[in-house]
Protein backbone atom coordinates (compact mmCIF):
# COMPACT_ATOMS: atom_id res chain seq x y z
CA UNK A 1 50.96 97.79 119.52
CA UNK A 2 53.71 95.21 119.05
CA UNK A 3 56.00 97.86 117.56
CA UNK A 4 55.43 100.14 120.55
CA UNK A 5 56.25 97.31 122.98
CA UNK A 6 59.41 96.40 121.06
CA UNK A 7 60.56 100.02 121.06
CA UNK A 8 59.88 100.36 124.80
CA UNK A 9 61.84 97.18 125.51
CA UNK A 10 64.83 98.45 123.56
CA UNK A 11 64.71 95.70 120.94
CA UNK A 12 64.07 98.13 118.10
CA UNK A 13 65.53 101.57 117.61
CA UNK A 14 63.86 103.97 115.17
CA UNK A 15 66.50 105.06 112.67
CA UNK A 16 66.71 108.31 110.74
CA UNK A 17 65.61 108.51 107.12
CA UNK A 18 68.33 107.00 104.89
CA UNK A 19 70.77 109.46 103.38
CA UNK A 20 69.39 111.17 100.30
CA UNK A 21 71.48 110.92 97.17
CA UNK A 22 73.34 113.99 96.00
CA UNK A 23 71.49 115.99 93.33
CA UNK A 24 72.35 115.52 89.67
CA UNK A 25 73.81 119.05 89.61
CA UNK A 26 76.67 117.92 91.89
CA UNK A 27 77.70 115.19 89.46
CA UNK A 28 77.29 117.56 86.51
CA UNK A 29 79.72 120.00 88.14
CA UNK A 30 82.23 117.21 88.72
CA UNK A 31 82.06 116.06 85.13
CA UNK A 32 82.39 119.66 83.92
CA UNK A 33 85.64 119.92 85.90
CA UNK A 34 86.89 116.75 84.23
CA UNK A 35 85.95 118.01 80.76
CA UNK A 36 87.83 121.24 81.39
CA UNK A 37 90.93 119.37 82.59
CA UNK A 38 90.97 117.02 79.59
CA UNK A 39 92.23 119.78 77.32
CA UNK A 40 90.14 118.57 74.40
CA UNK A 41 91.03 114.87 74.73
CA UNK A 42 88.32 112.22 74.70
CA UNK A 43 88.12 109.89 77.71
CA UNK A 44 86.12 106.93 78.92
CA UNK A 45 85.60 105.47 82.40
CA UNK A 46 84.13 102.05 83.14
CA UNK A 47 82.39 100.95 86.30
CA UNK A 48 84.83 98.79 88.24
CA UNK A 49 82.78 97.74 91.22
CA UNK A 50 83.41 94.80 93.48
CA UNK A 51 80.93 92.00 94.10
CA UNK A 52 80.18 91.41 97.78
CA UNK A 53 81.13 94.61 99.54
CA UNK A 54 81.22 94.74 103.32
CA UNK A 55 77.50 95.47 103.66
CA UNK A 56 76.20 95.32 100.08
CA UNK A 57 76.15 92.80 97.23
CA UNK A 58 77.68 95.21 94.72
CA UNK A 59 79.78 98.27 95.48
CA UNK A 60 80.74 100.69 92.75
CA UNK A 61 84.34 101.88 92.63
CA UNK A 62 84.99 105.38 93.91
CA UNK A 63 85.92 107.00 90.59
CA UNK A 64 82.78 105.96 88.72
CA UNK A 65 80.52 106.65 91.69
CA UNK A 66 82.05 110.12 92.20
CA UNK A 67 81.36 110.91 88.55
CA UNK A 68 77.84 109.49 88.34
CA UNK A 69 76.32 108.40 91.67
CA UNK A 70 75.43 105.12 89.94
CA UNK A 71 75.86 101.81 91.73
CA UNK A 72 75.37 99.17 89.06
CA UNK A 73 77.79 96.99 87.08
CA UNK A 74 78.48 97.19 83.37
CA UNK A 75 78.15 100.98 83.06
CA UNK A 76 80.42 103.35 81.10
CA UNK A 77 80.89 107.11 80.99
CA UNK A 78 82.22 108.75 77.83
CA UNK A 79 83.68 112.26 77.62
CA UNK A 80 83.64 113.84 74.14
CA UNK A 81 84.91 117.44 74.37
CA UNK A 82 84.75 117.90 70.59
CA UNK A 83 81.04 117.05 70.40
CA UNK A 84 78.63 119.97 70.27
CA UNK A 85 75.64 118.31 71.89
CA UNK A 86 76.83 115.00 73.35
CA UNK A 87 79.83 115.88 75.48
CA UNK A 88 78.94 113.37 78.20
CA UNK A 89 77.29 110.03 77.41
CA UNK A 90 76.29 107.40 79.92
CA UNK A 91 76.15 103.76 78.79
CA UNK A 92 74.21 101.24 80.87
CA UNK A 93 74.30 97.49 80.37
CA UNK A 94 71.58 95.94 78.25
CA UNK A 95 68.32 94.90 79.85
CA UNK A 96 67.67 91.25 80.69
CA UNK A 97 63.95 90.53 81.31
CA UNK A 98 64.67 87.16 82.94
CA UNK A 99 67.28 88.60 85.32
CA UNK A 100 64.99 91.52 86.17
CA UNK A 101 62.39 89.11 87.50
CA UNK A 102 64.91 88.40 90.29
CA UNK A 103 66.45 91.83 90.77
CA UNK A 104 63.65 94.21 89.78
CA UNK A 105 62.84 96.17 86.59
CA UNK A 106 65.36 98.60 85.16
CA UNK A 107 64.45 101.92 83.63
CA UNK A 108 63.73 102.30 79.94
CA UNK A 109 65.96 104.58 77.87
CA UNK A 110 63.90 107.77 77.63
CA UNK A 111 64.96 111.46 77.66
CA UNK A 112 63.94 111.73 81.31
CA UNK A 113 66.69 109.24 82.21
CA UNK A 114 69.38 111.57 80.86
CA UNK A 115 67.85 114.38 82.89
CA UNK A 116 67.83 112.20 86.00
CA UNK A 117 71.57 111.51 85.71
CA UNK A 118 72.47 114.97 84.38
CA UNK A 119 74.17 113.68 81.22
CA UNK A 120 73.65 114.59 77.56
CA UNK A 121 72.60 111.11 76.49
CA UNK A 122 71.95 107.65 77.94
CA UNK A 123 72.48 104.56 75.79
CA UNK A 124 72.83 100.83 76.39
CA UNK A 125 75.85 98.69 75.64
CA UNK A 126 79.51 99.61 75.41
CA UNK A 127 80.98 102.72 73.74
CA UNK A 128 82.82 102.14 70.48
CA UNK A 129 84.95 105.20 71.30
CA UNK A 130 87.09 105.14 68.13
CA UNK A 131 85.02 107.88 66.49
CA UNK A 132 85.30 110.11 69.54
CA UNK A 133 89.05 109.55 69.67
CA UNK A 134 89.45 110.49 66.01
CA UNK A 135 87.37 113.65 66.38
CA UNK A 136 89.21 114.78 69.50
CA UNK A 137 92.71 114.06 68.23
CA UNK A 138 93.79 112.48 71.51
CA UNK A 139 92.65 110.05 74.17
CA UNK A 140 93.24 110.63 77.88
CA UNK A 141 93.63 107.80 80.39
CA UNK A 142 92.14 109.32 83.52
CA UNK A 143 91.49 106.22 85.64
CA UNK A 144 94.28 104.82 87.82
CA UNK A 145 95.63 101.47 86.66
CA UNK A 146 94.35 98.54 88.68
CA UNK A 147 97.58 96.55 88.55
CA UNK A 148 100.80 96.02 86.63
CA UNK A 149 98.94 94.20 83.84
CA UNK A 150 96.67 97.19 83.16
CA UNK A 151 93.51 95.13 83.52
CA UNK A 152 91.03 97.99 83.78
CA UNK A 153 88.50 97.86 80.95
CA UNK A 154 88.58 101.61 80.38
CA UNK A 155 92.36 101.70 80.10
CA UNK A 156 92.32 98.85 77.58
CA UNK A 157 89.60 100.50 75.48
CA UNK A 158 91.41 103.87 75.58
CA UNK A 159 94.59 102.33 74.24
CA UNK A 160 92.77 100.41 71.51
CA UNK A 161 90.86 103.52 70.44
CA UNK A 162 94.03 105.59 70.36
CA UNK A 163 95.81 103.02 68.21
CA UNK A 164 92.84 102.51 65.86
CA UNK A 165 92.28 106.24 65.35
CA UNK A 166 95.99 107.00 65.09
CA UNK A 167 95.86 109.73 67.71
CA UNK A 168 97.88 110.73 70.74
CA UNK A 169 97.48 108.92 74.07
CA UNK A 170 97.63 111.29 77.05
CA UNK A 171 98.15 110.01 80.60
CA UNK A 172 96.19 111.92 83.24
CA UNK A 173 95.92 109.17 85.83
CA UNK A 174 96.19 111.56 88.77
CA UNK A 175 93.30 113.75 87.60
CA UNK A 176 90.37 112.07 89.36
CA UNK A 177 92.32 111.61 92.60
CA UNK A 178 93.16 115.31 92.76
CA UNK A 179 89.59 116.35 92.04
CA UNK A 180 88.09 113.88 94.49
CA UNK A 181 90.34 114.90 97.39
CA UNK A 182 88.95 118.47 97.55
CA UNK A 183 85.53 117.75 99.07
CA UNK A 184 82.52 119.97 98.52
CA UNK A 185 80.18 120.97 101.34
CA UNK A 186 77.64 118.25 100.44
CA UNK A 187 80.28 115.54 100.87
CA UNK A 188 81.63 117.03 104.07
CA UNK A 189 78.14 117.04 105.57
CA UNK A 190 77.73 113.32 104.83
CA UNK A 191 81.11 112.52 106.36
CA UNK A 192 80.31 114.57 109.46
CA UNK A 193 77.14 112.53 109.85
CA UNK A 194 79.15 109.31 109.46
CA UNK A 195 81.50 110.52 112.21
CA UNK A 196 78.62 111.33 114.56
CA UNK A 197 77.18 107.84 114.04
CA UNK A 198 80.64 106.35 114.59
CA UNK A 199 80.89 108.13 117.94
CA UNK A 200 77.76 106.32 119.13
CA UNK A 201 79.40 103.02 118.21
CA UNK A 202 82.61 103.84 120.05
CA UNK A 203 80.66 104.83 123.14
CA UNK A 204 79.03 101.39 123.02
CA UNK A 205 82.46 99.81 122.63
CA UNK A 206 83.81 101.73 125.63
CA UNK A 207 80.90 100.35 127.62
CA UNK A 208 81.52 96.79 126.39
CA UNK A 209 85.29 96.49 126.92
CA UNK A 210 85.15 94.58 130.19
CA UNK A 211 86.98 91.44 131.27
CA UNK A 212 85.38 88.16 130.25
CA UNK A 213 83.64 89.27 127.06
CA UNK A 214 85.03 88.47 123.63
CA UNK A 215 86.33 90.85 121.00
CA UNK A 216 83.36 89.72 118.91
CA UNK A 217 80.99 90.84 121.67
CA UNK A 218 82.51 94.32 121.53
CA UNK A 219 82.22 94.33 117.73
CA UNK A 220 78.56 93.32 117.91
CA UNK A 221 77.72 96.13 120.33
CA UNK A 222 79.47 98.85 118.36
CA UNK A 223 78.04 97.76 114.99
CA UNK A 224 74.54 97.56 116.48
CA UNK A 225 75.00 101.16 117.63
CA UNK A 226 76.15 102.18 114.14
CA UNK A 227 73.04 100.86 112.44
CA UNK A 228 70.58 101.85 115.16
CA UNK A 229 71.85 105.42 114.85
CA UNK A 230 71.33 105.59 111.11
CA UNK A 231 74.50 104.15 109.62
CA UNK A 232 74.01 102.91 106.06
CA UNK A 233 76.97 100.56 106.11
CA UNK A 234 80.40 99.84 107.54
CA UNK A 235 83.39 101.78 106.27
CA UNK A 236 85.51 98.64 106.62
CA UNK A 237 85.57 95.41 108.59
CA UNK A 238 85.62 96.30 112.28
CA UNK A 239 88.91 95.72 114.11
CA UNK A 240 88.73 94.87 117.81
CA UNK A 241 92.15 93.77 119.06
CA UNK A 242 92.73 93.09 122.74
CA UNK A 243 96.05 92.37 124.41
CA UNK A 244 98.65 91.19 121.91
CA UNK A 245 96.04 91.33 119.13
CA UNK A 246 96.08 95.11 119.48
CA UNK A 247 99.58 95.00 118.01
CA UNK A 248 98.25 93.41 114.79
CA UNK A 249 97.33 96.27 112.49
CA UNK A 250 94.38 94.67 110.70
CA UNK A 251 93.33 92.04 113.21
CA UNK A 252 90.01 90.68 111.96
CA UNK A 253 89.34 87.45 113.85
CA UNK A 254 87.96 89.24 116.93
CA UNK A 255 87.94 85.96 118.84
CA UNK A 256 89.96 86.54 122.02
CA UNK A 257 88.44 87.04 125.48
CA UNK A 258 89.27 90.36 127.15
CA UNK A 259 91.30 90.19 130.36
CA UNK A 260 92.03 92.58 133.21
CA UNK A 261 95.00 94.76 132.32
CA UNK A 262 94.39 94.51 128.56
CA UNK A 263 94.23 97.42 126.20
CA UNK A 264 91.68 97.08 123.38
CA UNK A 265 92.33 98.77 120.05
CA UNK A 266 88.97 99.49 118.41
CA UNK A 267 89.38 100.60 114.78
CA UNK A 268 85.82 100.76 113.43
CA UNK A 269 83.56 103.26 111.72
CA UNK A 270 80.18 103.67 110.11
CA UNK A 271 79.40 104.77 106.61
CA UNK A 272 76.63 107.21 105.74
CA UNK A 273 75.28 107.78 102.25
CA UNK A 274 78.27 105.90 100.82
CA UNK A 275 80.76 108.25 102.56
CA UNK A 276 83.18 106.75 105.07
CA UNK A 277 84.45 107.61 108.51
CA UNK A 278 87.60 106.19 110.11
CA UNK A 279 88.26 106.38 113.85
CA UNK A 280 90.42 104.37 116.26
CA UNK A 281 90.49 104.50 120.03
CA UNK A 282 92.37 102.40 122.57
CA UNK A 283 90.41 101.44 125.69
CA UNK A 284 91.76 100.01 128.99
CA UNK A 285 89.76 97.00 130.18
CA UNK A 286 90.51 97.80 133.83
CA UNK A 287 89.45 101.41 133.31
CA UNK A 288 93.00 102.76 133.67
CA UNK A 289 96.26 102.59 131.75
CA UNK A 290 99.20 101.20 133.71
CA UNK A 291 102.48 103.12 133.77
CA UNK A 292 104.02 101.41 130.73
CA UNK A 293 100.82 101.71 128.71
CA UNK A 294 100.36 105.35 129.70
CA UNK A 295 103.88 106.23 128.58
CA UNK A 296 103.26 104.77 125.12
CA UNK A 297 99.80 106.34 124.89
CA UNK A 298 101.14 109.81 125.67
CA UNK A 299 103.84 109.38 123.01
CA UNK A 300 101.18 108.58 120.39
CA UNK A 301 99.04 111.50 121.56
CA UNK A 302 102.02 113.85 121.33
CA UNK A 303 102.76 112.66 117.81
CA UNK A 304 99.18 113.49 116.88
CA UNK A 305 99.50 116.96 118.37
CA UNK A 306 102.68 117.67 116.41
CA UNK A 307 101.09 116.48 113.16
CA UNK A 308 98.00 118.62 113.81
CA UNK A 309 100.22 121.66 114.21
CA UNK A 310 101.65 121.14 110.70
CA UNK A 311 98.37 120.50 108.86
CA UNK A 312 97.39 123.25 106.43
CA UNK A 313 96.58 123.62 102.76
CA UNK A 314 99.79 123.20 100.76
CA UNK A 315 101.59 120.76 103.07
CA UNK A 316 102.13 117.25 101.71
CA UNK A 317 101.29 113.92 103.28
CA UNK A 318 104.98 113.02 103.05
CA UNK A 319 105.91 116.05 105.18
CA UNK A 320 103.37 115.02 107.80
CA UNK A 321 104.77 111.49 107.79
CA UNK A 322 108.21 112.86 108.63
CA UNK A 323 106.68 114.85 111.50
CA UNK A 324 105.12 111.68 112.93
CA UNK A 325 108.37 109.75 112.66
CA UNK A 326 110.44 112.49 114.27
CA UNK A 327 108.03 112.77 117.19
CA UNK A 328 108.07 109.03 117.88
CA UNK A 329 111.84 108.92 117.41
CA UNK A 330 112.25 111.43 120.22
CA UNK A 331 109.91 109.36 122.39
CA UNK A 332 111.93 106.21 121.72
CA UNK A 333 109.20 104.36 119.80
CA UNK A 334 110.12 104.90 116.15
CA UNK A 335 110.88 101.23 115.54
CA UNK A 336 107.43 100.40 116.97
CA UNK A 337 105.65 102.67 114.48
CA UNK A 338 105.21 100.48 111.42
CA UNK A 339 102.75 102.26 109.12
CA UNK A 340 101.87 105.58 107.56
CA UNK A 341 100.55 108.38 109.77
CA UNK A 342 97.29 108.70 107.82
CA UNK A 343 95.40 108.71 104.53
CA UNK A 344 92.62 110.45 102.60
CA UNK A 345 88.98 109.64 103.45
CA UNK A 346 85.90 110.06 101.27
CA UNK A 347 83.88 107.65 99.19
CA UNK A 348 86.35 105.01 100.32
CA UNK A 349 87.99 104.75 103.71
CA UNK A 350 91.36 104.84 101.93
CA UNK A 351 90.32 107.37 99.34
CA UNK A 352 91.95 108.84 96.27
CA UNK A 353 94.42 111.67 96.74
CA UNK A 354 97.93 112.88 95.95
CA UNK A 355 100.33 111.78 98.68
CA UNK A 356 103.28 113.71 97.26
CA UNK A 357 101.60 116.93 96.20
CA UNK A 358 100.13 119.76 98.29
CA UNK A 359 96.95 119.12 100.28
CA UNK A 360 94.01 121.12 98.92
CA UNK A 361 91.40 122.97 100.93
CA UNK A 362 88.57 120.50 101.47
CA UNK A 363 90.73 117.40 101.84
CA UNK A 364 89.80 115.10 104.72
CA UNK A 365 92.62 113.01 106.14
CA UNK A 366 93.22 110.73 109.09
CA UNK A 367 95.98 111.25 111.64
CA UNK A 368 96.67 107.85 113.18
CA UNK A 369 100.11 107.28 114.68
CA UNK A 370 100.53 104.10 116.67
CA UNK A 371 102.93 102.14 118.87
CA UNK A 372 102.91 98.34 118.76
CA UNK A 373 104.58 96.21 121.42
CA UNK A 374 103.52 92.58 120.88
CA UNK A 375 106.30 91.43 123.19
CA UNK A 376 104.67 93.49 125.96
CA UNK A 377 101.17 92.32 125.03
CA UNK A 378 99.61 95.53 123.73
CA UNK A 379 99.32 98.04 120.93
CA UNK A 380 98.08 101.64 120.91
CA UNK A 381 96.60 103.64 118.08
CA UNK A 382 94.71 106.94 118.15
CA UNK A 383 93.02 107.92 114.90
CA UNK A 384 91.17 111.13 114.16
CA UNK A 385 89.85 112.89 111.06
CA UNK A 386 90.81 116.40 109.99
CA UNK A 387 89.34 118.71 107.38
CA UNK A 388 92.00 120.83 105.70
CA UNK A 389 90.92 124.48 105.66
CA UNK A 390 92.38 127.70 104.28
CA UNK A 391 93.57 128.63 107.77
CA UNK A 392 94.77 125.21 108.94
CA UNK A 393 92.37 122.42 109.87
CA UNK A 394 89.14 121.49 111.60
CA UNK A 395 89.17 118.45 113.90
CA UNK A 396 86.06 116.59 112.76
CA UNK A 397 86.34 114.00 115.55
CA UNK A 398 86.59 116.56 118.33
CA UNK A 399 83.63 115.01 120.16
CA UNK A 400 85.57 111.78 120.78
CA UNK A 401 87.62 111.67 123.99
CA UNK A 402 91.29 111.65 123.01
CA UNK A 403 93.51 112.55 125.96
CA UNK A 404 94.43 109.65 128.24
CA UNK A 405 92.46 111.05 131.17
CA UNK A 406 89.45 111.73 128.94
CA UNK A 407 89.45 108.16 127.63
CA UNK A 408 89.62 106.77 131.17
CA UNK A 409 86.75 109.03 132.22
CA UNK A 410 84.70 108.03 129.18
CA UNK A 411 85.18 104.34 129.93
CA UNK A 412 84.16 104.91 133.55
CA UNK A 413 81.08 106.94 132.56
CA UNK A 414 80.02 104.48 129.87
CA UNK A 415 80.09 101.57 132.33
CA UNK A 416 77.90 103.20 135.00
């Protein structure tokens, strides 16, 4: 009875069933592609998650999650192409009965666990790896380096194993990025769902961008809409920049009060089933862009259109960047465009991918030119997501108003 009353009052929204994990067969196919690309070299990848993600306590890094679907620290994945029966081994950290009283019991190592994860064997601890290196004759470093000091555990272990076994060290650091950027249909479906949820949040934001409220108020409304529509997390910390704050690319204080005449840059998106979305819209507080604002908005929109026209499999991100710059140069705003035109999206909002090489079919990228005029008290950014197809592209965010007149109409409709 109480639940029914709460639902009727609008205090509780029933949410869809949480996103189901991808089947083990998907991860098996990914690992098979890695094994094939290794050319006989052994390789190892360590979990490199971050403590305290945006909406979770532990967030696995994209490479390890893409390969395994596992979100726990201390795990390792070992590739042994020369092995007949144990080509892929998964290592999980040792059990701790005292810790598990706080965090919950962990599975015992039984054959069914290997079947669950789709690997040849599951063990506990850390791989020795020297034996595999010696049998394979070479060791491949397939994970990107974290920083100049090469602090990734898997990179360090690969180098030590190569030296100890006296075998060749092969650098294939771009391998996982290239494989991850060509999304399969299961991934695309999750990202489309994340985009649909994100649209509900932006509609709430369009409704909330009125004079007198704070940027934080707008953020609260849009994030509530994300989660009440089934979002499983935030793709990144929500950016709500009004007035001069809209000219700060990653404004995160969200503390200013909105005023008549302001533009509000809302760069915020939901995550669904670990897959990210990334959308930005610029909303006029008064409901209409003034002449100066409209001129800049149309220049950004035109830059988007020209980039869209160039997107196809085989084009590079660098080529598309030049297109964005040339468009805004002609419009007289090049010196006010201070960032890249876009990036790959997937398991991370800024996902792995080759920025110099050709875009593959299945890549999902953002197109987000912007113009920033802090001296005039506003910034403008329009950000959409595109799926690269064999024949060009599909605009995944087509249900978001994008033209100036459409945005004004959406704001007016949302506030009725």
